[in-house]
């Protein structure tokens, strides 16, 4: 079953929040699925909203759009390379482009990826 999950940085302190997204007027909110405080939703920076790809890395970390992954499969042409996870509308899915390969490939084609960061905090890894 496909899990629909989002993450975003809340405006208050830029802490990452996971849950369901709701747009109210011109503002964006995430409602966490597990209520951790009396607050049941947080206003989010709309530029930081990313969707879960339903693919986990080799360490069981959820991979989201705008995460940076490293190919750790020594048998791959793109071994040890990093790439940004993107949603490609014309391809109709989540993709990565490793420099050696030079074209978008579906994220699910790679079985040994390690999530090493995201575009917001670790853009230097690309």
PDB file of N, CA and C in Angstrom:
ATOM      1  N   UNK A   1       0.840  -1.181   0.000  1.00  0.00           N
ATOM      2  CA  UNK A   1       0.000   0.000   0.000  1.00  0.00           C
ATOM      3  C   UNK A   1       0.885   1.244   0.000  1.00  0.00           C
ATOM      4  N   UNK A   2       0.497   2.223  -0.762  1.00  0.00           N
ATOM      5  CA  UNK A   2       1.249   3.463  -0.856  1.00  0.00           C
ATOM      6  C   UNK A   2       0.973   4.340   0.357  1.00  0.00           C
ATOM      7  N   UNK A   3       2.043   4.814   0.980  1.00  0.00           N
ATOM      8  CA  UNK A   3       1.907   5.730   2.105  1.00  0.00           C
ATOM      9  C   UNK A   3       2.073   7.152   1.598  1.00  0.00           C
ATOM     10  N   UNK A   4       1.089   7.987   1.854  1.00  0.00           N
ATOM     11  CA  UNK A   4       1.179   9.395   1.481  1.00  0.00           C
ATOM     12  C   UNK A   4       1.605  10.161   2.726  1.00  0.00           C
ATOM     13  N   UNK A   5       2.806  10.707   2.676  1.00  0.00           N
ATOM     14  CA  UNK A   5       3.388  11.400   3.820  1.00  0.00           C
ATOM     15  C   UNK A   5       4.196  12.583   3.312  1.00  0.00           C
ATOM     16  N   UNK A   6       4.128  13.681   4.037  1.00  0.00           N
ATOM     17  CA  UNK A   6       4.867  14.882   3.676  1.00  0.00           C
ATOM     18  C   UNK A   6       5.746  15.317   4.833  1.00  0.00           C
ATOM     19  N   UNK A   7       6.725  16.146   4.492  1.00  0.00           N
ATOM     20  CA  UNK A   7       7.539  16.783   5.517  1.00  0.00           C
ATOM     21  C   UNK A   7       7.724  18.242   5.106  1.00  0.00           C
ATOM     22  N   UNK A   8       8.005  19.070   6.079  1.00  0.00           N
ATOM     23  CA  UNK A   8       8.276  20.476   5.802  1.00  0.00           C
ATOM     24  C   UNK A   8       8.854  21.122   7.044  1.00  0.00           C
ATOM     25  N   UNK A   9       9.470  22.279   6.851  1.00  0.00           N
ATOM     26  CA  UNK A   9      10.053  23.004   7.977  1.00  0.00           C
ATOM     27  C   UNK A   9       9.043  24.019   8.490  1.00  0.00           C
ATOM     28  N   UNK A  10       8.768  23.935   9.790  1.00  0.00           N
ATOM     29  CA  UNK A  10       7.793  24.868  10.346  1.00  0.00           C
ATOM     30  C   UNK A  10       8.404  26.268  10.432  1.00  0.00           C
ATOM     31  N   UNK A  11       7.575  27.258  10.261  1.00  0.00           N
ATOM     32  CA  UNK A  11       8.041  28.644  10.236  1.00  0.00           C
ATOM     33  C   UNK A  11       8.581  29.104  11.580  1.00  0.00           C
ATOM     34  N   UNK A  12       8.054  28.570  12.640  1.00  0.00           N
ATOM     35  CA  UNK A  12       8.446  29.006  13.979  1.00  0.00           C
ATOM     36  C   UNK A  12       9.939  28.831  14.241  1.00  0.00           C
ATOM     37  N   UNK A  13      10.482  27.664  13.925  1.00  0.00           N
ATOM     38  CA  UNK A  13      11.887  27.390  14.254  1.00  0.00           C
ATOM     39  C   UNK A  13      12.595  26.530  13.204  1.00  0.00           C
ATOM     40  N   UNK A  14      11.964  26.301  12.083  1.00  0.00           N
ATOM     41  CA  UNK A  14      12.490  25.505  10.968  1.00  0.00           C
ATOM     42  C   UNK A  14      12.791  24.050  11.339  1.00  0.00           C
ATOM     43  N   UNK A  15      12.119  23.561  12.364  1.00  0.00           N
ATOM     44  CA  UNK A  15      12.191  22.136  12.698  1.00  0.00           C
ATOM     45  C   UNK A  15      11.374  21.371  11.664  1.00  0.00           C
ATOM     46  N   UNK A  16      11.865  20.192  11.261  1.00  0.00           N
ATOM     47  CA  UNK A  16      11.149  19.376  10.280  1.00  0.00           C
ATOM     48  C   UNK A  16       9.977  18.671  10.954  1.00  0.00           C
ATOM     49  N   UNK A  17       8.817  18.790  10.315  1.00  0.00           N
ATOM     50  CA  UNK A  17       7.590  18.169  10.799  1.00  0.00           C
ATOM     51  C   UNK A  17       7.099  17.204   9.725  1.00  0.00           C
ATOM     52  N   UNK A  18       6.601  16.039  10.131  1.00  0.00           N
ATOM     53  CA  UNK A  18       6.076  15.016   9.220  1.00  0.00           C
ATOM     54  C   UNK A  18       4.579  14.872   9.444  1.00  0.00           C
ATOM     55  N   UNK A  19       3.842  14.665   8.364  1.00  0.00           N
ATOM     56  CA  UNK A  19       2.411  14.441   8.507  1.00  0.00           C
ATOM     57  C   UNK A  19       1.657  14.727   7.220  1.00  0.00           C
ATOM     58  N   UNK A  20       0.421  15.181   7.391  1.00  0.00           N
ATOM     59  CA  UNK A  20      -0.461  15.466   6.260  1.00  0.00           C
ATOM     60  C   UNK A  20      -0.479  16.968   5.993  1.00  0.00           C
ATOM     61  N   UNK A  21      -0.483  17.347   4.735  1.00  0.00           N
ATOM     62  CA  UNK A  21      -0.460  18.756   4.335  1.00  0.00           C
ATOM     63  C   UNK A  21      -1.870  19.266   4.113  1.00  0.00           C
ATOM     64  N   UNK A  22      -2.101  20.485   4.582  1.00  0.00           N
ATOM     65  CA  UNK A  22      -3.370  21.171   4.314  1.00  0.00           C
ATOM     66  C   UNK A  22      -3.052  22.616   3.950  1.00  0.00           C
ATOM     67  N   UNK A  23      -3.727  23.087   2.912  1.00  0.00           N
ATOM     68  CA  UNK A  23      -3.596  24.477   2.483  1.00  0.00           C
ATOM     69  C   UNK A  23      -4.835  25.226   2.964  1.00  0.00           C
ATOM     70  N   UNK A  24      -4.610  26.281   3.734  1.00  0.00           N
ATOM     71  CA  UNK A  24      -5.710  27.104   4.230  1.00  0.00           C
ATOM     72  C   UNK A  24      -5.419  28.537   3.805  1.00  0.00           C
ATOM     73  N   UNK A  25      -6.278  29.046   2.933  1.00  0.00           N
ATOM     74  CA  UNK A  25      -6.050  30.344   2.294  1.00  0.00           C
ATOM     75  C   UNK A  25      -4.690  30.297   1.600  1.00  0.00           C
ATOM     76  N   UNK A  26      -3.782  31.172   1.925  1.00  0.00           N
ATOM     77  CA  UNK A  26      -2.461  31.170   1.288  1.00  0.00           C
ATOM     78  C   UNK A  26      -1.390  30.570   2.189  1.00  0.00           C
ATOM     79  N   UNK A  27      -1.795  29.880   3.228  1.00  0.00           N
ATOM     80  CA  UNK A  27      -0.839  29.318   4.175  1.00  0.00           C
ATOM     81  C   UNK A  27      -0.853  27.793   4.090  1.00  0.00           C
ATOM     82  N   UNK A  28       0.287  27.195   4.447  1.00  0.00           N
ATOM     83  CA  UNK A  28       0.442  25.745   4.386  1.00  0.00           C
ATOM     84  C   UNK A  28       0.676  25.223   5.800  1.00  0.00           C
ATOM     85  N   UNK A  29      -0.006  24.130   6.126  1.00  0.00           N
ATOM     86  CA  UNK A  29       0.109  23.532   7.452  1.00  0.00           C
ATOM     87  C   UNK A  29       0.376  22.037   7.319  1.00  0.00           C
ATOM     88  N   UNK A  30       1.114  21.503   8.275  1.00  0.00           N
ATOM     89  CA  UNK A  30       1.252  20.049   8.394  1.00  0.00           C
ATOM     90  C   UNK A  30       0.601  19.637   9.707  1.00  0.00           C
ATOM     91  N   UNK A  31      -0.215  18.607   9.598  1.00  0.00           N
ATOM     92  CA  UNK A  31      -0.878  18.011  10.745  1.00  0.00           C
ATOM     93  C   UNK A  31      -0.180  16.681  11.035  1.00  0.00           C
ATOM     94  N   UNK A  32       0.625  16.622  12.095  1.00  0.00           N
ATOM     95  CA  UNK A  32       1.297  15.358  12.417  1.00  0.00           C
ATOM     96  C   UNK A  32       0.277  14.263  12.699  1.00  0.00           C
ATOM     97  N   UNK A  33       0.612  13.050  12.317  1.00  0.00           N
ATOM     98  CA  UNK A  33      -0.308  11.925  12.530  1.00  0.00           C
ATOM     99  C   UNK A  33      -0.337  11.485  13.983  1.00  0.00           C
ATOM    100  N   UNK A  34       0.787  11.616  14.642  1.00  0.00           N
ATOM    101  CA  UNK A  34       0.842  11.287  16.064  1.00  0.00           C
ATOM    102  C   UNK A  34       0.951  12.602  16.824  1.00  0.00           C
ATOM    103  N   UNK A  35      -0.110  12.933  17.519  1.00  0.00           N
ATOM    104  CA  UNK A  35      -0.136  14.189  18.255  1.00  0.00           C
ATOM    105  C   UNK A  35       0.881  14.126  19.392  1.00  0.00           C
ATOM    106  N   UNK A  36       1.879  15.020  19.336  1.00  0.00           N
ATOM    107  CA  UNK A  36       2.950  14.998  20.325  1.00  0.00           C
ATOM    108  C   UNK A  36       2.792  16.089  21.378  1.00  0.00           C
ATOM    109  N   UNK A  37       2.011  17.106  21.069  1.00  0.00           N
ATOM    110  CA  UNK A  37       1.753  18.193  22.014  1.00  0.00           C
ATOM    111  C   UNK A  37       0.283  18.581  21.875  1.00  0.00           C
ATOM    112  N   UNK A  38      -0.109  19.632  22.568  1.00  0.00           N
ATOM    113  CA  UNK A  38      -1.474  20.107  22.413  1.00  0.00           C
ATOM    114  C   UNK A  38      -1.701  20.760  21.054  1.00  0.00           C
ATOM    115  N   UNK A  39      -0.625  21.129  20.375  1.00  0.00           N
ATOM    116  CA  UNK A  39      -0.745  21.742  19.055  1.00  0.00           C
ATOM    117  C   UNK A  39      -0.945  20.620  18.036  1.00  0.00           C
ATOM    118  N   UNK A  40      -2.000  20.739  17.235  1.00  0.00           N
ATOM    119  CA  UNK A  40      -2.276  19.653  16.293  1.00  0.00           C
ATOM    120  C   UNK A  40      -1.857  19.976  14.861  1.00  0.00           C
ATOM    121  N   UNK A  41      -1.328  21.173  14.621  1.00  0.00           N
ATOM    122  CA  UNK A  41      -0.835  21.514  13.291  1.00  0.00           C
ATOM    123  C   UNK A  41       0.201  22.634  13.395  1.00  0.00           C
ATOM    124  N   UNK A  42       1.027  22.733  12.353  1.00  0.00           N
ATOM    125  CA  UNK A  42       2.106  23.714  12.329  1.00  0.00           C
ATOM    126  C   UNK A  42       2.133  24.403  10.976  1.00  0.00           C
ATOM    127  N   UNK A  43       2.340  25.711  10.997  1.00  0.00           N
ATOM    128  CA  UNK A  43       2.494  26.432   9.740  1.00  0.00           C
ATOM    129  C   UNK A  43       3.878  26.116   9.183  1.00  0.00           C
ATOM    130  N   UNK A  44       3.931  25.842   7.881  1.00  0.00           N
ATOM    131  CA  UNK A  44       5.130  25.341   7.222  1.00  0.00           C
ATOM    132  C   UNK A  44       5.598  26.316   6.147  1.00  0.00           C
ATOM    133  N   UNK A  45       6.905  26.404   5.974  1.00  0.00           N
ATOM    134  CA  UNK A  45       7.480  27.148   4.852  1.00  0.00           C
ATOM    135  C   UNK A  45       7.146  26.368   3.583  1.00  0.00           C
ATOM    136  N   UNK A  46       6.342  26.948   2.717  1.00  0.00           N
ATOM    137  CA  UNK A  46       5.847  26.225   1.540  1.00  0.00           C
ATOM    138  C   UNK A  46       6.963  25.769   0.604  1.00  0.00           C
ATOM    139  N   UNK A  47       8.121  26.394   0.667  1.00  0.00           N
ATOM    140  CA  UNK A  47       9.239  25.999  -0.198  1.00  0.00           C
ATOM    141  C   UNK A  47       9.920  24.722   0.280  1.00  0.00           C
ATOM    142  N   UNK A  48       9.543  24.241   1.462  1.00  0.00           N
ATOM    143  CA  UNK A  48      10.216  23.070   2.037  1.00  0.00           C
ATOM    144  C   UNK A  48       9.321  21.835   2.097  1.00  0.00           C
ATOM    145  N   UNK A  49       8.188  21.856   1.436  1.00  0.00           N
ATOM    146  CA  UNK A  49       7.273  20.710   1.481  1.00  0.00           C
ATOM    147  C   UNK A  49       7.734  19.651   0.494  1.00  0.00           C
ATOM    148  N   UNK A  50       7.937  18.448   0.988  1.00  0.00           N
ATOM    149  CA  UNK A  50       8.388  17.331   0.156  1.00  0.00           C
ATOM    150  C   UNK A  50       7.541  16.102   0.447  1.00  0.00           C
ATOM    151  N   UNK A  51       7.364  15.268  -0.579  1.00  0.00           N
ATOM    152  CA  UNK A  51       6.568  14.059  -0.436  1.00  0.00           C
ATOM    153  C   UNK A  51       7.471  12.829  -0.318  1.00  0.00           C
ATOM    154  N   UNK A  52       7.028  11.896   0.499  1.00  0.00           N
ATOM    155  CA  UNK A  52       7.693  10.606   0.655  1.00  0.00           C
ATOM    156  C   UNK A  52       7.546   9.813  -0.641  1.00  0.00           C
ATOM    157  N   UNK A  53       8.619   9.190  -1.078  1.00  0.00           N
ATOM    158  CA  UNK A  53       8.635   8.447  -2.342  1.00  0.00           C
ATOM    159  C   UNK A  53       8.159   7.008  -2.209  1.00  0.00           C
ATOM    160  N   UNK A  54       7.920   6.544  -0.997  1.00  0.00           N
ATOM    161  CA  UNK A  54       7.591   5.148  -0.710  1.00  0.00           C
ATOM    162  C   UNK A  54       8.763   4.217  -0.979  1.00  0.00           C
ATOM    163  N   UNK A  55       9.950   4.779  -0.948  1.00  0.00           N
ATOM    164  CA  UNK A  55      11.180   3.991  -1.062  1.00  0.00           C
ATOM    165  C   UNK A  55      12.049   4.353   0.132  1.00  0.00           C
ATOM    166  N   UNK A  56      12.623   3.337   0.752  1.00  0.00           N
ATOM    167  CA  UNK A  56      13.526   3.537   1.880  1.00  0.00           C
ATOM    168  C   UNK A  56      14.949   3.220   1.444  1.00  0.00           C
ATOM    169  N   UNK A  57      15.914   3.830   2.118  1.00  0.00           N
ATOM    170  CA  UNK A  57      17.314   3.535   1.795  1.00  0.00           C
ATOM    171  C   UNK A  57      17.747   2.238   2.475  1.00  0.00           C
ATOM    172  N   UNK A  58      19.021   1.904   2.345  1.00  0.00           N
ATOM    173  CA  UNK A  58      19.511   0.637   2.907  1.00  0.00           C
ATOM    174  C   UNK A  58      19.471   0.597   4.425  1.00  0.00           C
ATOM    175  N   UNK A  59      19.310   1.770   5.059  1.00  0.00           N
ATOM    176  CA  UNK A  59      19.224   1.844   6.514  1.00  0.00           C
ATOM    177  C   UNK A  59      17.785   2.037   6.993  1.00  0.00           C
ATOM    178  N   UNK A  60      16.828   1.800   6.100  1.00  0.00           N
ATOM    179  CA  UNK A  60      15.390   1.933   6.385  1.00  0.00           C
ATOM    180  C   UNK A  60      14.957   3.374   6.651  1.00  0.00           C
ATOM    181  N   UNK A  61      15.725   4.353   6.160  1.00  0.00           N
ATOM    182  CA  UNK A  61      15.325   5.755   6.249  1.00  0.00           C
ATOM    183  C   UNK A  61      14.408   6.082   5.073  1.00  0.00           C
ATOM    184  N   UNK A  62      13.316   6.776   5.350  1.00  0.00           N
ATOM    185  CA  UNK A  62      12.392   7.162   4.296  1.00  0.00           C
ATOM    186  C   UNK A  62      13.076   8.171   3.368  1.00  0.00           C
ATOM    187  N   UNK A  63      12.922   7.976   2.061  1.00  0.00           N
ATOM    188  CA  UNK A  63      13.478   8.893   1.076  1.00  0.00           C
ATOM    189  C   UNK A  63      12.366   9.806   0.570  1.00  0.00           C
ATOM    190  N   UNK A  64      12.596  11.117   0.678  1.00  0.00           N
ATOM    191  CA  UNK A  64      11.655  12.136   0.231  1.00  0.00           C
ATOM    192  C   UNK A  64      12.214  12.846  -0.993  1.00  0.00           C
ATOM    193  N   UNK A  65      11.340  13.495  -1.741  1.00  0.00           N
ATOM    194  CA  UNK A  65      11.783  14.402  -2.796  1.00  0.00           C
ATOM    195  C   UNK A  65      12.708  15.434  -2.153  1.00  0.00           C
ATOM    196  N   UNK A  66      13.752  15.816  -2.852  1.00  0.00           N
ATOM    197  CA  UNK A  66      14.776  16.770  -2.414  1.00  0.00           C
ATOM    198  C   UNK A  66      15.759  16.199  -1.395  1.00  0.00           C
ATOM    199  N   UNK A  67      15.723  14.887  -1.191  1.00  0.00           N
ATOM    200  CA  UNK A  67      16.789  14.249  -0.424  1.00  0.00           C
ATOM    201  C   UNK A  67      17.981  14.027  -1.345  1.00  0.00           C
ATOM    202  N   UNK A  68      19.133  13.910  -0.756  1.00  0.00           N
ATOM    203  CA  UNK A  68      20.352  13.581  -1.491  1.00  0.00           C
ATOM    204  C   UNK A  68      20.712  12.149  -1.126  1.00  0.00           C
ATOM    205  N   UNK A  69      20.905  11.337  -2.159  1.00  0.00           N
ATOM    206  CA  UNK A  69      21.227   9.924  -1.947  1.00  0.00           C
ATOM    207  C   UNK A  69      22.579   9.606  -2.571  1.00  0.00           C
ATOM    208  N   UNK A  70      23.198   8.581  -2.015  1.00  0.00           N
ATOM    209  CA  UNK A  70      24.491   8.101  -2.527  1.00  0.00           C
ATOM    210  C   UNK A  70      24.305   6.661  -2.985  1.00  0.00           C
ATOM    211  N   UNK A  71      24.811   6.359  -4.164  1.00  0.00           N
ATOM    212  CA  UNK A  71      24.740   5.004  -4.702  1.00  0.00           C
ATOM    213  C   UNK A  71      25.910   4.209  -4.112  1.00  0.00           C
ATOM    214  N   UNK A  72      25.607   3.212  -3.310  1.00  0.00           N
ATOM    215  CA  UNK A  72      26.679   2.441  -2.668  1.00  0.00           C
ATOM    216  C   UNK A  72      26.766   1.015  -3.210  1.00  0.00           C
ATOM    217  N   UNK A  73      26.255   0.829  -4.413  1.00  0.00           N
ATOM    218  CA  UNK A  73      26.352  -0.478  -5.065  1.00  0.00           C
ATOM    219  C   UNK A  73      27.633  -0.518  -5.895  1.00  0.00           C
ATOM    220  N   UNK A  74      28.638  -1.302  -5.475  1.00  0.00           N
ATOM    221  CA  UNK A  74      29.913  -1.327  -6.205  1.00  0.00           C
ATOM    222  C   UNK A  74      29.798  -1.872  -7.623  1.00  0.00           C
ATOM    223  N   UNK A  75      28.707  -2.539  -7.946  1.00  0.00           N
ATOM    224  CA  UNK A  75      28.517  -3.075  -9.297  1.00  0.00           C
ATOM    225  C   UNK A  75      27.854  -2.068 -10.242  1.00  0.00           C
ATOM    226  N   UNK A  76      27.466  -0.910  -9.725  1.00  0.00           N
ATOM    227  CA  UNK A  76      26.788   0.102 -10.529  1.00  0.00           C
ATOM    228  C   UNK A  76      27.794   1.019 -11.218  1.00  0.00           C
ATOM    229  N   UNK A  77      27.431   1.491 -12.401  1.00  0.00           N
ATOM    230  CA  UNK A  77      28.265   2.479 -13.099  1.00  0.00           C
ATOM    231  C   UNK A  77      28.365   3.776 -12.310  1.00  0.00           C
ATOM    232  N   UNK A  78      27.379   4.050 -11.485  1.00  0.00           N
ATOM    233  CA  UNK A  78      27.332   5.295 -10.708  1.00  0.00           C
ATOM    234  C   UNK A  78      27.761   5.069  -9.257  1.00  0.00           C
ATOM    235  N   UNK A  79      28.579   4.069  -9.020  1.00  0.00           N
ATOM    236  CA  UNK A  79      29.022   3.749  -7.654  1.00  0.00           C
ATOM    237  C   UNK A  79      29.658   4.971  -6.991  1.00  0.00           C
ATOM    238  N   UNK A  80      29.250   5.237  -5.771  1.00  0.00           N
ATOM    239  CA  UNK A  80      29.799   6.292  -4.923  1.00  0.00           C
ATOM    240  C   UNK A  80      29.374   7.699  -5.360  1.00  0.00           C
ATOM    241  N   UNK A  81      28.486   7.810  -6.332  1.00  0.00           N
ATOM    242  CA  UNK A  81      28.019   9.120  -6.768  1.00  0.00           C
ATOM    243  C   UNK A  81      26.779   9.530  -5.972  1.00  0.00           C
ATOM    244  N   UNK A  82      26.556  10.837  -5.907  1.00  0.00           N
ATOM    245  CA  UNK A  82      25.384  11.369  -5.221  1.00  0.00           C
ATOM    246  C   UNK A  82      24.424  11.970  -6.237  1.00  0.00           C
ATOM    247  N   UNK A  83      23.150  12.020  -5.852  1.00  0.00           N
ATOM    248  CA  UNK A  83      22.129  12.597  -6.725  1.00  0.00           C
ATOM    249  C   UNK A  83      20.987  13.144  -5.879  1.00  0.00           C
ATOM    250  N   UNK A  84      20.278  14.086  -6.455  1.00  0.00           N
ATOM    251  CA  UNK A  84      19.096  14.674  -5.837  1.00  0.00           C
ATOM    252  C   UNK A  84      17.864  13.889  -6.269  1.00  0.00           C
ATOM    253  N   UNK A  85      17.007  13.561  -5.317  1.00  0.00           N
ATOM    254  CA  UNK A  85      15.751  12.876  -5.627  1.00  0.00           C
ATOM    255  C   UNK A  85      14.743  13.933  -6.092  1.00  0.00           C
ATOM    256  N   UNK A  86      14.129  13.678  -7.237  1.00  0.00           N
ATOM    257  CA  UNK A  86      13.178  14.622  -7.808  1.00  0.00           C
ATOM    258  C   UNK A  86      11.920  13.878  -8.252  1.00  0.00           C
ATOM    259  N   UNK A  87      10.829  14.628  -8.404  1.00  0.00           N
ATOM    260  CA  UNK A  87       9.644  14.089  -9.064  1.00  0.00           C
ATOM    261  C   UNK A  87       9.661  14.645 -10.471  1.00  0.00           C
ATOM    262  N   UNK A  88       9.603  13.763 -11.451  1.00  0.00           N
ATOM    263  CA  UNK A  88       9.647  14.177 -12.851  1.00  0.00           C
ATOM    264  C   UNK A  88       8.279  13.910 -13.461  1.00  0.00           C
ATOM    265  N   UNK A  89       7.546  14.994 -13.737  1.00  0.00           N
ATOM    266  CA  UNK A  89       6.165  14.871 -14.202  1.00  0.00           C
ATOM    267  C   UNK A  89       6.056  14.115 -15.523  1.00  0.00           C
ATOM    268  N   UNK A  90       6.948  14.405 -16.474  1.00  0.00           N
ATOM    269  CA  UNK A  90       6.825  13.748 -17.781  1.00  0.00           C
ATOM    270  C   UNK A  90       7.187  12.267 -17.721  1.00  0.00           C
ATOM    271  N   UNK A  91       8.015  11.895 -16.771  1.00  0.00           N
ATOM    272  CA  UNK A  91       8.341  10.475 -16.579  1.00  0.00           C
ATOM    273  C   UNK A  91       7.264   9.816 -15.716  1.00  0.00           C
ATOM    274  N   UNK A  92       6.669  10.607 -14.853  1.00  0.00           N
ATOM    275  CA  UNK A  92       5.589  10.097 -14.016  1.00  0.00           C
ATOM    276  C   UNK A  92       6.075   9.360 -12.792  1.00  0.00           C
ATOM    277  N   UNK A  93       7.170   9.823 -12.218  1.00  0.00           N
ATOM    278  CA  UNK A  93       7.661   9.158 -11.017  1.00  0.00           C
ATOM    279  C   UNK A  93       8.857   9.860 -10.416  1.00  0.00           C
ATOM    280  N   UNK A  94       9.376   9.236  -9.374  1.00  0.00           N
ATOM    281  CA  UNK A  94      10.521   9.764  -8.645  1.00  0.00           C
ATOM    282  C   UNK A  94      11.794   9.303  -9.334  1.00  0.00           C
ATOM    283  N   UNK A  95      12.714  10.246  -9.547  1.00  0.00           N
ATOM    284  CA  UNK A  95      13.906   9.967 -10.337  1.00  0.00           C
ATOM    285  C   UNK A  95      15.162  10.516  -9.661  1.00  0.00           C
ATOM    286  N   UNK A  96      16.301   9.993 -10.134  1.00  0.00           N
ATOM    287  CA  UNK A  96      17.616  10.533  -9.791  1.00  0.00           C
ATOM    288  C   UNK A  96      18.433  10.580 -11.080  1.00  0.00           C
ATOM    289  N   UNK A  97      19.414  11.475 -11.100  1.00  0.00           N
ATOM    290  CA  UNK A  97      20.332  11.522 -12.229  1.00  0.00           C
ATOM    291  C   UNK A  97      21.759  11.524 -11.680  1.00  0.00           C
ATOM    292  N   UNK A  98      22.421  10.382 -11.843  1.00  0.00           N
ATOM    293  CA  UNK A  98      23.831  10.300 -11.461  1.00  0.00           C
ATOM    294  C   UNK A  98      24.672  10.796 -12.633  1.00  0.00           C
ATOM    295  N   UNK A  99      25.740  11.517 -12.319  1.00  0.00           N
ATOM    296  CA  UNK A  99      26.557  12.165 -13.347  1.00  0.00           C
ATOM    297  C   UNK A  99      27.077  11.190 -14.398  1.00  0.00           C
ATOM    298  N   UNK A 100      27.568  10.042 -13.969  1.00  0.00           N
ATOM    299  CA  UNK A 100      28.120   9.052 -14.898  1.00  0.00           C
ATOM    300  C   UNK A 100      27.080   8.577 -15.907  1.00  0.00           C
ATOM    301  N   UNK A 101      25.858   8.403 -15.453  1.00  0.00           N
ATOM    302  CA  UNK A 101      24.797   7.894 -16.315  1.00  0.00           C
ATOM    303  C   UNK A 101      24.234   9.007 -17.194  1.00  0.00           C
ATOM    304  N   UNK A 102      24.090  10.211 -16.646  1.00  0.00           N
ATOM    305  CA  UNK A 102      23.731  11.383 -17.431  1.00  0.00           C
ATOM    306  C   UNK A 102      22.295  11.486 -17.887  1.00  0.00           C
ATOM    307  N   UNK A 103      21.423  10.676 -17.350  1.00  0.00           N
ATOM    308  CA  UNK A 103      20.000  10.799 -17.667  1.00  0.00           C
ATOM    309  C   UNK A 103      19.189  10.361 -16.453  1.00  0.00           C
ATOM    310  N   UNK A 104      17.936  10.840 -16.412  1.00  0.00           N
ATOM    311  CA  UNK A 104      17.072  10.470 -15.297  1.00  0.00           C
ATOM    312  C   UNK A 104      16.746   8.987 -15.350  1.00  0.00           C
ATOM    313  N   UNK A 105      16.805   8.371 -14.183  1.00  0.00           N
ATOM    314  CA  UNK A 105      16.397   6.970 -14.017  1.00  0.00           C
ATOM    315  C   UNK A 105      15.442   6.909 -12.831  1.00  0.00           C
ATOM    316  N   UNK A 106      14.494   6.002 -12.911  1.00  0.00           N
ATOM    317  CA  UNK A 106      13.540   5.844 -11.817  1.00  0.00           C
ATOM    318  C   UNK A 106      14.270   5.477 -10.528  1.00  0.00           C
ATOM    319  N   UNK A 107      13.892   6.121  -9.454  1.00  0.00           N
ATOM    320  CA  UNK A 107      14.514   5.897  -8.150  1.00  0.00           C
ATOM    321  C   UNK A 107      14.481   4.425  -7.759  1.00  0.00           C
ATOM    322  N   UNK A 108      13.389   3.747  -8.056  1.00  0.00           N
ATOM    323  CA  UNK A 108      13.228   2.347  -7.686  1.00  0.00           C
ATOM    324  C   UNK A 108      14.162   1.385  -8.397  1.00  0.00           C
ATOM    325  N   UNK A 109      14.873   1.852  -9.416  1.00  0.00           N
ATOM    326  CA  UNK A 109      15.821   0.991 -10.134  1.00  0.00           C
ATOM    327  C   UNK A 109      17.083   0.709  -9.314  1.00  0.00           C
ATOM    328  N   UNK A 110      17.312   1.518  -8.297  1.00  0.00           N
ATOM    329  CA  UNK A 110      18.534   1.391  -7.504  1.00  0.00           C
ATOM    330  C   UNK A 110      18.207   0.735  -6.170  1.00  0.00           C
ATOM    331  N   UNK A 111      18.890  -0.358  -5.887  1.00  0.00           N
ATOM    332  CA  UNK A 111      18.583  -1.106  -4.668  1.00  0.00           C
ATOM    333  C   UNK A 111      19.536  -0.818  -3.520  1.00  0.00           C
ATOM    334  N   UNK A 112      20.600  -0.073  -3.769  1.00  0.00           N
ATOM    335  CA  UNK A 112      21.567   0.207  -2.703  1.00  0.00           C
ATOM    336  C   UNK A 112      21.871   1.698  -2.659  1.00  0.00           C
ATOM    337  N   UNK A 113      20.885   2.435  -2.156  1.00  0.00           N
ATOM    338  CA  UNK A 113      21.037   3.871  -1.982  1.00  0.00           C
ATOM    339  C   UNK A 113      21.093   4.187  -0.500  1.00  0.00           C
ATOM    340  N   UNK A 114      21.877   5.200  -0.175  1.00  0.00           N
ATOM    341  CA  UNK A 114      21.958   5.675   1.201  1.00  0.00           C
ATOM    342  C   UNK A 114      21.579   7.150   1.215  1.00  0.00           C
ATOM    343  N   UNK A 115      20.618   7.488   2.054  1.00  0.00           N
ATOM    344  CA  UNK A 115      20.214   8.887   2.208  1.00  0.00           C
ATOM    345  C   UNK A 115      21.298   9.587   3.018  1.00  0.00           C
ATOM    346  N   UNK A 116      21.873  10.668   2.453  1.00  0.00           N
ATOM    347  CA  UNK A 116      22.981  11.345   3.139  1.00  0.00           C
ATOM    348  C   UNK A 116      22.660  12.793   3.489  1.00  0.00           C
ATOM    349  N   UNK A 117      21.495  13.264   3.119  1.00  0.00           N
ATOM    350  CA  UNK A 117      21.126  14.640   3.441  1.00  0.00           C
ATOM    351  C   UNK A 117      19.956  15.095   2.610  1.00  0.00           C
ATOM    352  N   UNK A 118      19.776  16.419   2.573  1.00  0.00           N
ATOM    353  CA  UNK A 118      18.723  17.003   1.746  1.00  0.00           C
ATOM    354  C   UNK A 118      19.208  18.328   1.174  1.00  0.00           C
ATOM    355  N   UNK A 119      18.492  18.817   0.192  1.00  0.00           N
ATOM    356  CA  UNK A 119      18.893  20.018  -0.536  1.00  0.00           C
ATOM    357  C   UNK A 119      18.914  21.256   0.356  1.00  0.00           C
ATOM    358  N   UNK A 120      18.112  21.288   1.406  1.00  0.00           N
ATOM    359  CA  UNK A 120      18.007  22.461   2.267  1.00  0.00           C
ATOM    360  C   UNK A 120      19.197  22.614   3.207  1.00  0.00           C
ATOM    361  N   UNK A 121      19.711  21.500   3.685  1.00  0.00           N
ATOM    362  CA  UNK A 121      20.777  21.536   4.691  1.00  0.00           C
ATOM    363  C   UNK A 121      22.126  21.060   4.174  1.00  0.00           C
ATOM    364  N   UNK A 122      22.151  20.356   3.051  1.00  0.00           N
ATOM    365  CA  UNK A 122      23.392  19.709   2.601  1.00  0.00           C
ATOM    366  C   UNK A 122      23.628  19.857   1.111  1.00  0.00           C
ATOM    367  N   UNK A 123      23.292  20.974   0.506  1.00  0.00           N
ATOM    368  CA  UNK A 123      23.432  21.126  -0.938  1.00  0.00           C
ATOM    369  C   UNK A 123      24.873  20.968  -1.397  1.00  0.00           C
ATOM    370  N   UNK A 124      25.811  21.146  -0.488  1.00  0.00           N
ATOM    371  CA  UNK A 124      27.236  20.983  -0.822  1.00  0.00           C
ATOM    372  C   UNK A 124      27.584  19.525  -1.159  1.00  0.00           C
ATOM    373  N   UNK A 125      26.704  18.582  -0.851  1.00  0.00           N
ATOM    374  CA  UNK A 125      26.967  17.171  -1.128  1.00  0.00           C
ATOM    375  C   UNK A 125      26.727  16.819  -2.598  1.00  0.00           C
ATOM    376  N   UNK A 126      26.125  17.721  -3.336  1.00  0.00           N
ATOM    377  CA  UNK A 126      25.838  17.444  -4.754  1.00  0.00           C
ATOM    378  C   UNK A 126      27.019  17.835  -5.629  1.00  0.00           C
TER     379      UNK A 126
END
